Amino acid sequence: MGSEITLRNKLKKKFSFDVLINSHCNLNCKFCNRKAPICTPQYYSLEQFDKDLKHFKDNEIYINDLTFTGGEPLLNKNLEEYFQIARKYYPNCFLKIFTNCKLLQKDSKIFKILKDNNIFVLYTQYILSGIDYKKVFENLKKYEIPYSELLELLFNKKDYKFFLTYTPISKEHKDPNKQFENCKSDCLCIRNGILYICGELANIDEMNKVFGTDFELVENSDFFYINNLNVETLCN
């Protein structure tokens, strides 16, 4: 799966990362780009997360925001510990959690954790899931937790058709390098000491195992070991 694309195509002076804290989910979406329905539970080690953020901090890598994601990140029982580690190294970092909201329908200790750690809730509505989003929003407002739908935050849009068709279907867009440059997700992803250039790559091993495929990730192209990264590596 290697290509000539380098890390500098995606990174800027201020860095934003998805933090893949668990791989599994409580929905079963057929077109999940993170492959969550076929994933066995895998977690981002708290010890490793601490080491990774310490490495970024020690190397003067400024992180503008972190988005805790999955799978469904609210399934992770150690949510508050991840938030506390992030705040320890980057106290002013914008922290978000990207969720399907299924676990936010009922009042629970999750809301206090989100409130106490100043977490922004980013969500996608799954219309056929049976999730009562009206109740979810009532709960979020009750605890004064800020929230936004994904498309509103990224594009100021609510139209999923726009989201799925923003890249024209033409011959030139079959070029993977052009597709990569036009990707609007910008979802660099970290998990267990590794930085992936795209979150879709993080669970490729699960897809290989389930479907018998043999996709291979290439070091320094598809992924990078965090302990080898510094400002010069990221920006050059």
C-alpha atoms as a PDB file:
ATOM      1  CA  MET A   1       0.000   0.000   0.000  1.00  0.00           C
ATOM      2  CA  GLY A   2       3.060   2.241  -0.170  1.00  0.00           C
ATOM      3  CA  SER A   3       3.188   5.305  -2.382  1.00  0.00           C
ATOM      4  CA  GLU A   4       5.338   8.343  -3.038  1.00  0.00           C
ATOM      5  CA  ILE A   5       3.158  10.373  -0.681  1.00  0.00           C
ATOM      6  CA  THR A   6       5.157  11.643   2.279  1.00  0.00           C
ATOM      7  CA  LEU A   7       4.058  12.791   5.690  1.00  0.00           C
ATOM      8  CA  ARG A   8       4.629  16.440   4.846  1.00  0.00           C
ATOM      9  CA  ASN A   9       1.655  16.322   2.451  1.00  0.00           C
ATOM     10  CA  LYS A  10      -0.636  16.146   5.459  1.00  0.00           C
ATOM     11  CA  LEU A  11       1.070  17.957   8.314  1.00  0.00           C
ATOM     12  CA  LYS A  12       1.330  21.666   9.011  1.00  0.00           C
ATOM     13  CA  LYS A  13       2.931  23.805  11.703  1.00  0.00           C
ATOM     14  CA  LYS A  14       0.101  23.060  14.106  1.00  0.00           C
ATOM     15  CA  PHE A  15      -0.803  19.425  14.280  1.00  0.00           C
ATOM     16  CA  SER A  16      -4.144  17.670  14.666  1.00  0.00           C
ATOM     17  CA  PHE A  17      -4.488  13.959  15.334  1.00  0.00           C
ATOM     18  CA  ASP A  18      -7.221  11.394  15.689  1.00  0.00           C
ATOM     19  CA  VAL A  19      -6.563   9.251  18.757  1.00  0.00           C
ATOM     20  CA  LEU A  20      -7.808   5.719  18.082  1.00  0.00           C
ATOM     21  CA  ILE A  21      -8.566   4.597  21.630  1.00  0.00           C
ATOM     22  CA  ASN A  22     -10.474   1.460  20.651  1.00  0.00           C
ATOM     23  CA  SER A  23     -11.274  -0.368  17.444  1.00  0.00           C
ATOM     24  CA  HIS A  24     -14.742  -1.883  18.030  1.00  0.00           C
ATOM     25  CA  CYS A  25     -18.182  -0.291  17.923  1.00  0.00           C
ATOM     26  CA  ASN A  26     -21.764  -0.762  19.147  1.00  0.00           C
ATOM     27  CA  LEU A  27     -23.253  -0.261  15.666  1.00  0.00           C
ATOM     28  CA  ASN A  28     -22.835  -2.478  12.618  1.00  0.00           C
ATOM     29  CA  CYS A  29     -22.479  -0.087   9.666  1.00  0.00           C
ATOM     30  CA  LYS A  30     -21.764  -1.869   6.392  1.00  0.00           C
ATOM     31  CA  PHE A  31     -19.562   0.875   4.971  1.00  0.00           C
ATOM     32  CA  CYS A  32     -17.549   1.752   8.085  1.00  0.00           C
ATOM     33  CA  ASN A  33     -14.239   3.160   6.877  1.00  0.00           C
ATOM     34  CA  ARG A  34     -12.595   2.152  10.154  1.00  0.00           C
ATOM     35  CA  LYS A  35     -13.775  -1.472   9.691  1.00  0.00           C
ATOM     36  CA  ALA A  36     -15.159  -1.449  13.237  1.00  0.00           C
ATOM     37  CA  PRO A  37     -17.824  -4.181  12.741  1.00  0.00           C
ATOM     38  CA  ILE A  38     -15.144  -6.781  12.016  1.00  0.00           C
ATOM     39  CA  CYS A  39     -12.659  -5.616  14.637  1.00  0.00           C
ATOM     40  CA  THR A  40     -11.940  -7.408  17.860  1.00  0.00           C
ATOM     41  CA  PRO A  41     -11.537  -5.020  20.803  1.00  0.00           C
ATOM     42  CA  GLN A  42      -8.122  -3.346  20.626  1.00  0.00           C
ATOM     43  CA  TYR A  43      -7.199  -0.436  22.880  1.00  0.00           C
ATOM     44  CA  TYR A  44      -4.642   2.345  22.875  1.00  0.00           C
ATOM     45  CA  SER A  45      -2.506   1.557  25.898  1.00  0.00           C
ATOM     46  CA  LEU A  46      -2.669   4.393  28.440  1.00  0.00           C
ATOM     47  CA  GLU A  47       1.019   3.926  29.175  1.00  0.00           C
ATOM     48  CA  GLN A  48       1.870   4.171  25.480  1.00  0.00           C
ATOM     49  CA  PHE A  49      -0.404   7.183  24.989  1.00  0.00           C
ATOM     50  CA  ASP A  50       1.462   8.953  27.788  1.00  0.00           C
ATOM     51  CA  LYS A  51       4.807   8.081  26.155  1.00  0.00           C
ATOM     52  CA  ASP A  52       3.610   9.256  22.728  1.00  0.00           C
ATOM     53  CA  LEU A  53       2.368  12.639  23.947  1.00  0.00           C
ATOM     54  CA  LYS A  54       5.483  13.106  26.068  1.00  0.00           C
ATOM     55  CA  HIS A  55       7.579  12.467  22.959  1.00  0.00           C
ATOM     56  CA  PHE A  56       5.633  15.087  21.001  1.00  0.00           C
ATOM     57  CA  LYS A  57       5.975  17.556  23.875  1.00  0.00           C
ATOM     58  CA  ASP A  58       9.693  16.896  24.426  1.00  0.00           C
ATOM     59  CA  ASN A  59      10.307  17.441  20.728  1.00  0.00           C
ATOM     60  CA  GLU A  60       8.398  20.757  20.761  1.00  0.00           C
ATOM     61  CA  ILE A  61       5.660  19.457  18.471  1.00  0.00           C
ATOM     62  CA  TYR A  62       2.667  21.714  19.019  1.00  0.00           C
ATOM     63  CA  ILE A  63      -0.683  19.883  18.967  1.00  0.00           C
ATOM     64  CA  ASN A  64      -3.647  22.115  18.205  1.00  0.00           C
ATOM     65  CA  ASP A  65      -6.353  19.506  18.730  1.00  0.00           C
ATOM     66  CA  LEU A  66      -6.932  15.828  19.438  1.00  0.00           C
ATOM     67  CA  THR A  67     -10.050  13.898  18.465  1.00  0.00           C
ATOM     68  CA  PHE A  68     -10.689  10.731  20.469  1.00  0.00           C
ATOM     69  CA  THR A  69     -12.239   8.215  18.136  1.00  0.00           C
ATOM     70  CA  GLY A  70     -12.735   4.531  17.369  1.00  0.00           C
ATOM     71  CA  GLY A  71     -14.721   2.413  16.667  1.00  0.00           C
ATOM     72  CA  GLU A  72     -16.997   3.943  19.258  1.00  0.00           C
ATOM     73  CA  PRO A  73     -14.751   5.701  21.793  1.00  0.00           C
ATOM     74  CA  LEU A  74     -17.407   5.879  24.522  1.00  0.00           C
ATOM     75  CA  LEU A  75     -17.056   2.097  24.872  1.00  0.00           C
ATOM     76  CA  ASN A  76     -13.595   2.670  26.337  1.00  0.00           C
ATOM     77  CA  LYS A  77     -13.756   2.434  30.144  1.00  0.00           C
ATOM     78  CA  ASN A  78     -10.681   4.647  30.626  1.00  0.00           C
ATOM     79  CA  LEU A  79     -11.956   7.792  28.921  1.00  0.00           C
ATOM     80  CA  GLU A  80     -11.050  10.154  31.723  1.00  0.00           C
ATOM     81  CA  GLU A  81      -7.488   8.854  31.943  1.00  0.00           C
ATOM     82  CA  TYR A  82      -6.913   9.626  28.249  1.00  0.00           C
ATOM     83  CA  PHE A  83      -8.265  13.140  28.724  1.00  0.00           C
ATOM     84  CA  GLN A  84      -6.080  13.703  31.789  1.00  0.00           C
ATOM     85  CA  ILE A  85      -2.961  12.578  29.959  1.00  0.00           C
ATOM     86  CA  ALA A  86      -3.746  14.920  27.073  1.00  0.00           C
ATOM     87  CA  ARG A  87      -4.299  17.829  29.467  1.00  0.00           C
ATOM     88  CA  LYS A  88      -1.055  17.031  31.311  1.00  0.00           C
ATOM     89  CA  TYR A  89       1.068  17.617  28.216  1.00  0.00           C
ATOM     90  CA  TYR A  90      -1.184  19.997  26.262  1.00  0.00           C
ATOM     91  CA  PRO A  91      -3.377  21.889  28.764  1.00  0.00           C
ATOM     92  CA  ASN A  92      -4.733  24.268  26.106  1.00  0.00           C
ATOM     93  CA  CYS A  93      -5.345  21.649  23.426  1.00  0.00           C
ATOM     94  CA  PHE A  94      -8.826  21.478  21.879  1.00  0.00           C
ATOM     95  CA  LEU A  95     -10.133  18.019  22.805  1.00  0.00           C
ATOM     96  CA  LYS A  96     -13.000  16.385  20.906  1.00  0.00           C
ATOM     97  CA  ILE A  97     -14.678  12.998  20.993  1.00  0.00           C
ATOM     98  CA  PHE A  98     -16.245  11.589  17.824  1.00  0.00           C
ATOM     99  CA  THR A  99     -19.224   9.422  18.730  1.00  0.00           C
ATOM    100  CA  ASN A 100     -22.424   7.902  17.365  1.00  0.00           C
ATOM    101  CA  CYS A 101     -24.135   9.076  20.599  1.00  0.00           C
ATOM    102  CA  LYS A 102     -25.729   5.711  21.401  1.00  0.00           C
ATOM    103  CA  LEU A 103     -24.363   5.810  24.950  1.00  0.00           C
ATOM    104  CA  LEU A 104     -25.486   9.418  25.448  1.00  0.00           C
ATOM    105  CA  GLN A 105     -29.215   8.664  25.396  1.00  0.00           C
ATOM    106  CA  LYS A 106     -29.342   8.022  29.144  1.00  0.00           C
ATOM    107  CA  ASP A 107     -27.961  10.143  31.924  1.00  0.00           C
ATOM    108  CA  SER A 108     -24.693   8.634  33.150  1.00  0.00           C
ATOM    109  CA  LYS A 109     -21.268   9.468  34.576  1.00  0.00           C
ATOM    110  CA  ILE A 110     -20.022   9.948  30.997  1.00  0.00           C
ATOM    111  CA  PHE A 111     -21.516  13.431  30.922  1.00  0.00           C
ATOM    112  CA  LYS A 112     -19.654  14.522  34.042  1.00  0.00           C
ATOM    113  CA  ILE A 113     -16.405  13.195  32.586  1.00  0.00           C
ATOM    114  CA  LEU A 114     -16.974  15.133  29.355  1.00  0.00           C
ATOM    115  CA  LYS A 115     -17.949  18.283  31.244  1.00  0.00           C
ATOM    116  CA  ASP A 116     -15.103  18.166  33.775  1.00  0.00           C
ATOM    117  CA  ASN A 117     -12.497  17.722  31.045  1.00  0.00           C
ATOM    118  CA  ASN A 118     -13.925  20.359  28.697  1.00  0.00           C
ATOM    119  CA  ILE A 119     -14.576  17.901  25.850  1.00  0.00           C
ATOM    120  CA  PHE A 120     -16.316  18.925  22.631  1.00  0.00           C
ATOM    121  CA  VAL A 121     -18.713  16.270  21.296  1.00  0.00           C
ATOM    122  CA  LEU A 122     -18.537  15.662  17.560  1.00  0.00           C
ATOM    123  CA  TYR A 123     -21.172  13.291  16.215  1.00  0.00           C
ATOM    124  CA  THR A 124     -22.699  11.738  13.121  1.00  0.00           C
ATOM    125  CA  GLN A 125     -26.401  10.930  13.028  1.00  0.00           C
ATOM    126  CA  TYR A 126     -27.211   7.367  12.034  1.00  0.00           C
ATOM    127  CA  ILE A 127     -30.858   7.725  11.091  1.00  0.00           C
ATOM    128  CA  LEU A 128     -31.694   4.003  10.976  1.00  0.00           C
ATOM    129  CA  SER A 129     -29.918   3.185  14.238  1.00  0.00           C
ATOM    130  CA  GLY A 130     -32.886   3.906  16.501  1.00  0.00           C
ATOM    131  CA  ILE A 131     -30.806   6.370  18.516  1.00  0.00           C
ATOM    132  CA  ASP A 132     -32.936   9.087  20.118  1.00  0.00           C
ATOM    133  CA  TYR A 133     -30.847  12.105  19.162  1.00  0.00           C
ATOM    134  CA  LYS A 134     -33.395  14.501  20.636  1.00  0.00           C
ATOM    135  CA  LYS A 135     -32.741  12.949  24.037  1.00  0.00           C
ATOM    136  CA  VAL A 136     -28.997  13.034  23.423  1.00  0.00           C
ATOM    137  CA  PHE A 137     -29.089  16.765  22.712  1.00  0.00           C
ATOM    138  CA  GLU A 138     -31.210  17.380  25.804  1.00  0.00           C
ATOM    139  CA  ASN A 139     -28.607  15.611  27.926  1.00  0.00           C
ATOM    140  CA  LEU A 140     -25.702  17.493  26.358  1.00  0.00           C
ATOM    141  CA  LYS A 141     -27.464  20.819  26.914  1.00  0.00           C
ATOM    142  CA  LYS A 142     -28.277  19.861  30.507  1.00  0.00           C
ATOM    143  CA  TYR A 143     -24.577  19.422  31.233  1.00  0.00           C
ATOM    144  CA  GLU A 144     -23.616  22.409  29.067  1.00  0.00           C
ATOM    145  CA  ILE A 145     -21.384  20.280  26.851  1.00  0.00           C
ATOM    146  CA  PRO A 146     -20.665  21.841  23.442  1.00  0.00           C
ATOM    147  CA  TYR A 147     -21.441  19.672  20.429  1.00  0.00           C
ATOM    148  CA  SER A 148     -21.682  19.733  16.647  1.00  0.00           C
ATOM    149  CA  GLU A 149     -22.627  17.444  13.792  1.00  0.00           C
ATOM    150  CA  LEU A 150     -19.587  16.452  11.719  1.00  0.00           C
ATOM    151  CA  LEU A 151     -20.676  18.055   8.465  1.00  0.00           C
ATOM    152  CA  GLU A 152     -21.519  21.326  10.163  1.00  0.00           C
ATOM    153  CA  LEU A 153     -18.064  21.489  11.708  1.00  0.00           C
ATOM    154  CA  LEU A 154     -16.138  20.515   8.587  1.00  0.00           C
ATOM    155  CA  PHE A 155     -18.199  22.050   5.799  1.00  0.00           C
ATOM    156  CA  ASN A 156     -21.055  23.995   7.403  1.00  0.00           C
ATOM    157  CA  LYS A 157     -23.302  21.511   5.595  1.00  0.00           C
ATOM    158  CA  LYS A 158     -25.973  19.040   6.614  1.00  0.00           C
ATOM    159  CA  ASP A 159     -26.301  17.319   3.257  1.00  0.00           C
ATOM    160  CA  TYR A 160     -24.731  13.837   3.244  1.00  0.00           C
ATOM    161  CA  LYS A 161     -24.960  13.731  -0.537  1.00  0.00           C
ATOM    162  CA  PHE A 162     -22.512  16.643  -0.619  1.00  0.00           C
ATOM    163  CA  PHE A 163     -20.187  14.822   1.754  1.00  0.00           C
ATOM    164  CA  LEU A 164     -20.135  11.698  -0.390  1.00  0.00           C
ATOM    165  CA  THR A 165     -19.696  13.463  -3.737  1.00  0.00           C
ATOM    166  CA  TYR A 166     -17.449  16.442  -3.067  1.00  0.00           C
ATOM    167  CA  THR A 167     -14.678  14.924  -5.228  1.00  0.00           C
ATOM    168  CA  PRO A 168     -15.646  14.817  -8.933  1.00  0.00           C
ATOM    169  CA  ILE A 169     -15.656  11.375 -10.505  1.00  0.00           C
ATOM    170  CA  SER A 170     -13.259  11.739 -13.406  1.00  0.00           C
ATOM    171  CA  LYS A 171     -10.296   9.970 -14.896  1.00  0.00           C
ATOM    172  CA  GLU A 172      -7.744  12.131 -13.118  1.00  0.00           C
ATOM    173  CA  HIS A 173      -9.279  11.359  -9.734  1.00  0.00           C
ATOM    174  CA  LYS A 174      -8.455   7.689 -10.193  1.00  0.00           C
ATOM    175  CA  ASP A 175      -4.868   8.685  -9.449  1.00  0.00           C
ATOM    176  CA  PRO A 176      -4.342   7.738  -5.767  1.00  0.00           C
ATOM    177  CA  ASN A 177      -1.938  10.643  -5.242  1.00  0.00           C
ATOM    178  CA  LYS A 178      -4.534  13.129  -6.488  1.00  0.00           C
ATOM    179  CA  GLN A 179      -7.194  11.467  -4.362  1.00  0.00           C
ATOM    180  CA  PHE A 180      -4.968  11.792  -1.335  1.00  0.00           C
ATOM    181  CA  GLU A 181      -4.262  15.476  -1.987  1.00  0.00           C
ATOM    182  CA  ASN A 182      -7.991  16.143  -2.361  1.00  0.00           C
ATOM    183  CA  CYS A 183      -8.969  14.272   0.792  1.00  0.00           C
ATOM    184  CA  LYS A 184     -10.796  16.676   3.092  1.00  0.00           C
ATOM    185  CA  SER A 185     -10.777  14.419   6.122  1.00  0.00           C
ATOM    186  CA  ASP A 186      -7.169  15.167   7.143  1.00  0.00           C
ATOM    187  CA  CYS A 187      -7.420  12.353   9.669  1.00  0.00           C
ATOM    188  CA  LEU A 188      -3.884  11.593  10.752  1.00  0.00           C
ATOM    189  CA  CYS A 189      -4.296   8.936  13.381  1.00  0.00           C
ATOM    190  CA  ILE A 190      -2.192   7.805  16.331  1.00  0.00           C
ATOM    191  CA  ARG A 191      -2.383   4.518  18.228  1.00  0.00           C
ATOM    192  CA  ASN A 192       0.108   2.549  20.312  1.00  0.00           C
ATOM    193  CA  GLY A 193       3.268   4.344  19.215  1.00  0.00           C
ATOM    194  CA  ILE A 194       2.334   4.621  15.538  1.00  0.00           C
ATOM    195  CA  LEU A 195       1.148   7.555  13.438  1.00  0.00           C
ATOM    196  CA  TYR A 196      -0.931   6.526  10.405  1.00  0.00           C
ATOM    197  CA  ILE A 197      -1.318   8.946   7.501  1.00  0.00           C
ATOM    198  CA  CYS A 198      -4.996   7.966   7.340  1.00  0.00           C
ATOM    199  CA  GLY A 199      -7.228   6.472  10.003  1.00  0.00           C
ATOM    200  CA  GLU A 200      -8.557   3.903   7.530  1.00  0.00           C
ATOM    201  CA  LEU A 201      -5.174   2.158   7.604  1.00  0.00           C
ATOM    202  CA  ALA A 202      -5.065   1.501  11.334  1.00  0.00           C
ATOM    203  CA  ASN A 203      -7.249  -1.627  11.225  1.00  0.00           C
ATOM    204  CA  ILE A 204      -6.019  -3.033   7.926  1.00  0.00           C
ATOM    205  CA  ASP A 205      -4.675  -6.080   9.796  1.00  0.00           C
ATOM    206  CA  GLU A 206      -8.217  -6.937  10.909  1.00  0.00           C
ATOM    207  CA  MET A 207      -9.458  -6.790   7.311  1.00  0.00           C
ATOM    208  CA  ASN A 208      -6.631  -9.060   6.160  1.00  0.00           C
ATOM    209  CA  LYS A 209      -7.500 -11.559   8.881  1.00  0.00           C
ATOM    210  CA  VAL A 210     -11.252 -11.617   8.203  1.00  0.00           C
ATOM    211  CA  PHE A 211     -11.222 -11.519   4.387  1.00  0.00           C
ATOM    212  CA  GLY A 212      -7.923 -13.217   3.635  1.00  0.00           C
ATOM    213  CA  THR A 213      -6.501 -10.147   1.895  1.00  0.00           C
ATOM    214  CA  ASP A 214      -2.827  -9.241   2.014  1.00  0.00           C
ATOM    215  CA  PHE A 215      -2.697  -5.456   2.134  1.00  0.00           C
ATOM    216  CA  GLU A 216       0.644  -4.360   3.565  1.00  0.00           C
ATOM    217  CA  LEU A 217       1.483  -1.060   5.209  1.00  0.00           C
ATOM    218  CA  VAL A 218       4.840   0.478   4.372  1.00  0.00           C
ATOM    219  CA  GLU A 219       6.883   2.208   7.061  1.00  0.00           C
ATOM    220  CA  ASN A 220       7.668   5.896   6.423  1.00  0.00           C
ATOM    221  CA  SER A 221       4.961   5.996   3.769  1.00  0.00           C
ATOM    222  CA  ASP A 222       1.731   4.610   5.248  1.00  0.00           C
ATOM    223  CA  PHE A 223       2.809   4.876   8.881  1.00  0.00           C
ATOM    224  CA  PHE A 224       5.562   6.286  11.083  1.00  0.00           C
ATOM    225  CA  TYR A 225       6.855   5.251  14.476  1.00  0.00           C
ATOM    226  CA  ILE A 226       6.192   8.154  16.817  1.00  0.00           C
ATOM    227  CA  ASN A 227       9.480   7.788  18.687  1.00  0.00           C
ATOM    228  CA  ASN A 228      11.291   8.592  15.420  1.00  0.00           C
ATOM    229  CA  LEU A 229       9.355  11.803  14.742  1.00  0.00           C
ATOM    230  CA  ASN A 230      10.470  15.363  15.443  1.00  0.00           C
ATOM    231  CA  VAL A 231       9.595  18.818  14.146  1.00  0.00           C
ATOM    232  CA  GLU A 232      12.101  18.603  11.281  1.00  0.00           C
ATOM    233  CA  THR A 233      10.741  15.218  10.182  1.00  0.00           C
ATOM    234  CA  LEU A 234       7.172  16.451  10.285  1.00  0.00           C
ATOM    235  CA  CYS A 235       7.660  19.744   8.485  1.00  0.00           C
ATOM    236  CA  ASN A 236      10.256  18.862   5.828  1.00  0.00           C
END
